[in-house]
Amino acid sequence: MVSEAIAALKEREGSSEFAIGKKKE
């Protein structure tokens, strides 16, 4: 369960970083 939460957090961080990067461009 803990590893699943960490994986979800990492996915959210990655997608938010990707969105910010796209907005900057």
C-alpha atoms as a PDB file:
ATOM      1  CA  MET A   1       0.000   0.000   0.000  1.00  0.00           C
ATOM      2  CA  VAL A   2       2.804   2.425   0.876  1.00  0.00           C
ATOM      3  CA  SER A   3       4.675   1.708  -2.349  1.00  0.00           C
ATOM      4  CA  GLU A   4       1.457   2.281  -4.298  1.00  0.00           C
ATOM      5  CA  ALA A   5       1.004   5.711  -2.703  1.00  0.00           C
ATOM      6  CA  ILE A   6       4.624   6.608  -3.466  1.00  0.00           C
ATOM      7  CA  ALA A   7       4.193   5.493  -7.079  1.00  0.00           C
ATOM      8  CA  ALA A   8       1.053   7.627  -7.411  1.00  0.00           C
ATOM      9  CA  LEU A   9       2.881  10.618  -5.927  1.00  0.00           C
ATOM     10  CA  LYS A  10       5.793  10.179  -8.324  1.00  0.00           C
ATOM     11  CA  GLU A  11       3.365   9.963 -11.255  1.00  0.00           C
ATOM     12  CA  ARG A  12       1.618  13.165 -10.138  1.00  0.00           C
ATOM     13  CA  GLU A  13       4.934  14.964  -9.694  1.00  0.00           C
ATOM     14  CA  GLY A  14       6.052  13.870 -13.146  1.00  0.00           C
ATOM     15  CA  SER A  15       2.820  14.933 -14.860  1.00  0.00           C
ATOM     16  CA  SER A  16       2.755  18.291 -13.066  1.00  0.00           C
ATOM     17  CA  GLU A  17       6.391  18.921 -14.028  1.00  0.00           C
ATOM     18  CA  PHE A  18       5.512  17.999 -17.613  1.00  0.00           C
ATOM     19  CA  ALA A  19       2.544  20.387 -17.590  1.00  0.00           C
ATOM     20  CA  ILE A  20       4.669  23.219 -16.177  1.00  0.00           C
ATOM     21  CA  GLY A  21       7.326  22.559 -18.809  1.00  0.00           C
ATOM     22  CA  LYS A  22       4.710  22.686 -21.575  1.00  0.00           C
ATOM     23  CA  LYS A  23       3.286  25.947 -20.201  1.00  0.00           C
ATOM     24  CA  LYS A  24       6.778  27.499 -20.145  1.00  0.00           C
ATOM     25  CA  GLU A  25       7.238  26.619 -23.813  1.00  0.00           C
END
